[in-house]
Each structure stands twice: as C-alpha cells, then as structure tokens.
Amino acid sequence: MTGYQAGRVTHLITFQPVAGAVDSEHSVFVGQDPVQVCEPTVTSEVGQADWTPLESVPGLIATGEVWNAGSLVALLRLLTMDGQAASH
C-alpha cells in the first residue's frame, strides 16, 4: 500500500496485451491529486514504494528498470497526452 488515495481517477487506456492469442482486455486508470491517508506499507510484490517524477520515466524505461508490458503501455500513453493528465 502506498499510503495515498487519489483525489480523482480517470481512464487512461484499454489494451490487449496478447492480442490474437488471448482475449484479456486490460483497463488502466490514472489517479491524480493524491492525499496521504496512512504510512506506506511494503508488500511482497513491492520492495519499496517511492514517488518518481514523470520526467524520469523515459530514463527508467531506457535503462530497463521499467520493462513489463502493462507498465510500458500505461506510462507511454501518459507521457504522450500533451499535458492532459501528465501534469500530475
């Protein structure tokens, strides 16, 4: 758990990660205007939860730190929105 709750949530993109082989539509939403509701807690899936500036995402992708398809689709969509949702 990040310890934050989004003030508003909007649909970002819907995609098929393995189109033609599996029908598995994924919908991704972006949360904005975060409010801290508790202290972050570490789960088995995440070693550490930190804020990362959106401007650093291309570098994280280039170095292979962000590599899974779902994250790439969502982050690349967010980065190409001409400031519509990318400002937060």
C-alpha atoms as a PDB file:
ATOM      1  CA  MET A   1       0.000   0.000   0.000  1.00  0.00           C
ATOM      2  CA  THR A   2       1.392   3.388  -0.975  1.00  0.00           C
ATOM      3  CA  GLY A   3      -0.323   5.241   1.856  1.00  0.00           C
ATOM      4  CA  TYR A   4      -2.004   7.602  -0.617  1.00  0.00           C
ATOM      5  CA  GLN A   5      -5.509   7.876  -2.016  1.00  0.00           C
ATOM      6  CA  ALA A   6      -6.219   9.543  -5.360  1.00  0.00           C
ATOM      7  CA  GLY A   7      -8.392  12.629  -5.287  1.00  0.00           C
ATOM      8  CA  ARG A   8      -9.621  11.830  -8.781  1.00  0.00           C
ATOM      9  CA  VAL A   9      -9.292   8.812 -11.033  1.00  0.00           C
ATOM     10  CA  THR A  10      -9.666   8.838 -14.814  1.00  0.00           C
ATOM     11  CA  HIS A  11      -9.463   6.178 -17.513  1.00  0.00           C
ATOM     12  CA  LEU A  12      -6.086   6.242 -19.234  1.00  0.00           C
ATOM     13  CA  ILE A  13      -6.129   3.406 -21.775  1.00  0.00           C
ATOM     14  CA  THR A  14      -7.549  -0.040 -22.510  1.00  0.00           C
ATOM     15  CA  PHE A  15      -5.384  -2.567 -24.343  1.00  0.00           C
ATOM     16  CA  GLN A  16      -4.993  -6.253 -25.201  1.00  0.00           C
ATOM     17  CA  PRO A  17      -1.573  -7.489 -24.020  1.00  0.00           C
ATOM     18  CA  VAL A  18      -1.619 -10.639 -26.176  1.00  0.00           C
ATOM     19  CA  ALA A  19      -3.989  -9.764 -28.995  1.00  0.00           C
ATOM     20  CA  GLY A  20      -4.962 -12.716 -31.159  1.00  0.00           C
ATOM     21  CA  ALA A  21      -3.794 -15.340 -28.681  1.00  0.00           C
ATOM     22  CA  VAL A  22      -5.740 -14.481 -25.545  1.00  0.00           C
ATOM     23  CA  ASP A  23      -8.777 -12.272 -25.003  1.00  0.00           C
ATOM     24  CA  SER A  24      -7.644 -10.390 -21.913  1.00  0.00           C
ATOM     25  CA  GLU A  25      -8.606  -6.729 -22.088  1.00  0.00           C
ATOM     26  CA  HIS A  26      -6.749  -4.572 -19.555  1.00  0.00           C
ATOM     27  CA  SER A  27      -8.039  -1.157 -18.482  1.00  0.00           C
ATOM     28  CA  VAL A  28      -5.623   1.281 -16.862  1.00  0.00           C
ATOM     29  CA  PHE A  29      -6.627   4.297 -14.804  1.00  0.00           C
ATOM     30  CA  VAL A  30      -4.548   7.217 -13.568  1.00  0.00           C
ATOM     31  CA  GLY A  31      -5.000   8.678 -10.115  1.00  0.00           C
ATOM     32  CA  GLN A  32      -4.302  12.350  -9.517  1.00  0.00           C
ATOM     33  CA  ASP A  33      -4.354  14.833  -6.639  1.00  0.00           C
ATOM     34  CA  PRO A  34      -3.056  12.334  -4.051  1.00  0.00           C
ATOM     35  CA  VAL A  35      -3.841  12.648  -0.357  1.00  0.00           C
ATOM     36  CA  GLN A  36      -1.776  10.802   2.235  1.00  0.00           C
ATOM     37  CA  VAL A  37      -4.104   8.632   4.315  1.00  0.00           C
ATOM     38  CA  CYS A  38      -1.552   6.463   6.160  1.00  0.00           C
ATOM     39  CA  GLU A  39       2.094   5.480   6.202  1.00  0.00           C
ATOM     40  CA  PRO A  40       3.248   3.329   3.272  1.00  0.00           C
ATOM     41  CA  THR A  41       3.465  -0.403   3.912  1.00  0.00           C
ATOM     42  CA  VAL A  42       5.684  -2.782   1.977  1.00  0.00           C
ATOM     43  CA  THR A  43       4.082  -5.857   0.443  1.00  0.00           C
ATOM     44  CA  SER A  44       5.669  -8.945  -1.018  1.00  0.00           C
ATOM     45  CA  GLU A  45       5.176  -7.549  -4.537  1.00  0.00           C
ATOM     46  CA  VAL A  46       6.927  -4.238  -3.933  1.00  0.00           C
ATOM     47  CA  GLY A  47      10.257  -3.815  -2.224  1.00  0.00           C
ATOM     48  CA  GLN A  48       9.856  -0.071  -1.843  1.00  0.00           C
ATOM     49  CA  ALA A  49       7.214   2.487  -2.830  1.00  0.00           C
ATOM     50  CA  ASP A  50       8.516   5.932  -3.809  1.00  0.00           C
ATOM     51  CA  TRP A  51       7.314   8.938  -5.773  1.00  0.00           C
ATOM     52  CA  THR A  52       9.009   9.081  -9.146  1.00  0.00           C
ATOM     53  CA  PRO A  53       8.777  12.247 -11.237  1.00  0.00           C
ATOM     54  CA  LEU A  54       7.084  11.589 -14.566  1.00  0.00           C
ATOM     55  CA  GLU A  55      10.042  13.273 -16.285  1.00  0.00           C
ATOM     56  CA  SER A  56      12.316  10.435 -15.112  1.00  0.00           C
ATOM     57  CA  VAL A  57      10.177   7.683 -16.672  1.00  0.00           C
ATOM     58  CA  PRO A  58      11.832   7.717 -20.144  1.00  0.00           C
ATOM     59  CA  GLY A  59      15.212   7.150 -18.486  1.00  0.00           C
ATOM     60  CA  LEU A  60      13.837   4.308 -16.360  1.00  0.00           C
ATOM     61  CA  ILE A  61      12.444   2.687 -19.497  1.00  0.00           C
ATOM     62  CA  ALA A  62      15.723   3.183 -21.381  1.00  0.00           C
ATOM     63  CA  THR A  63      17.746   1.511 -18.617  1.00  0.00           C
ATOM     64  CA  GLY A  64      15.329  -1.415 -18.366  1.00  0.00           C
ATOM     65  CA  GLU A  65      14.087  -0.561 -14.873  1.00  0.00           C
ATOM     66  CA  VAL A  66      10.539  -0.386 -16.263  1.00  0.00           C
ATOM     67  CA  TRP A  67      10.087  -3.323 -18.618  1.00  0.00           C
ATOM     68  CA  ASN A  68       6.739  -5.071 -18.272  1.00  0.00           C
ATOM     69  CA  ALA A  69       4.138  -4.548 -20.981  1.00  0.00           C
ATOM     70  CA  GLY A  70       1.343  -3.197 -18.805  1.00  0.00           C
ATOM     71  CA  SER A  71       3.553  -0.558 -17.212  1.00  0.00           C
ATOM     72  CA  LEU A  72       5.080   0.424 -20.548  1.00  0.00           C
ATOM     73  CA  VAL A  73       1.704   0.825 -22.273  1.00  0.00           C
ATOM     74  CA  ALA A  74       0.320   2.932 -19.429  1.00  0.00           C
ATOM     75  CA  LEU A  75       3.384   5.106 -18.913  1.00  0.00           C
ATOM     76  CA  LEU A  76       3.983   5.729 -22.615  1.00  0.00           C
ATOM     77  CA  ARG A  77       0.327   6.708 -23.023  1.00  0.00           C
ATOM     78  CA  LEU A  78       0.574   9.062 -20.052  1.00  0.00           C
ATOM     79  CA  LEU A  79       3.747  10.636 -21.457  1.00  0.00           C
ATOM     80  CA  THR A  80       2.097  11.294 -24.844  1.00  0.00           C
ATOM     81  CA  MET A  81      -1.059  13.007 -23.589  1.00  0.00           C
ATOM     82  CA  ASP A  82       0.129  16.570 -24.327  1.00  0.00           C
ATOM     83  CA  GLY A  83      -0.273  17.636 -20.709  1.00  0.00           C
ATOM     84  CA  GLN A  84      -3.908  16.473 -20.381  1.00  0.00           C
ATOM     85  CA  ALA A  85      -3.132  14.164 -17.462  1.00  0.00           C
ATOM     86  CA  ALA A  86       0.655  14.172 -17.482  1.00  0.00           C
ATOM     87  CA  SER A  87       0.917  17.276 -15.324  1.00  0.00           C
ATOM     88  CA  HIS A  88       0.430  15.224 -12.115  1.00  0.00           C
END
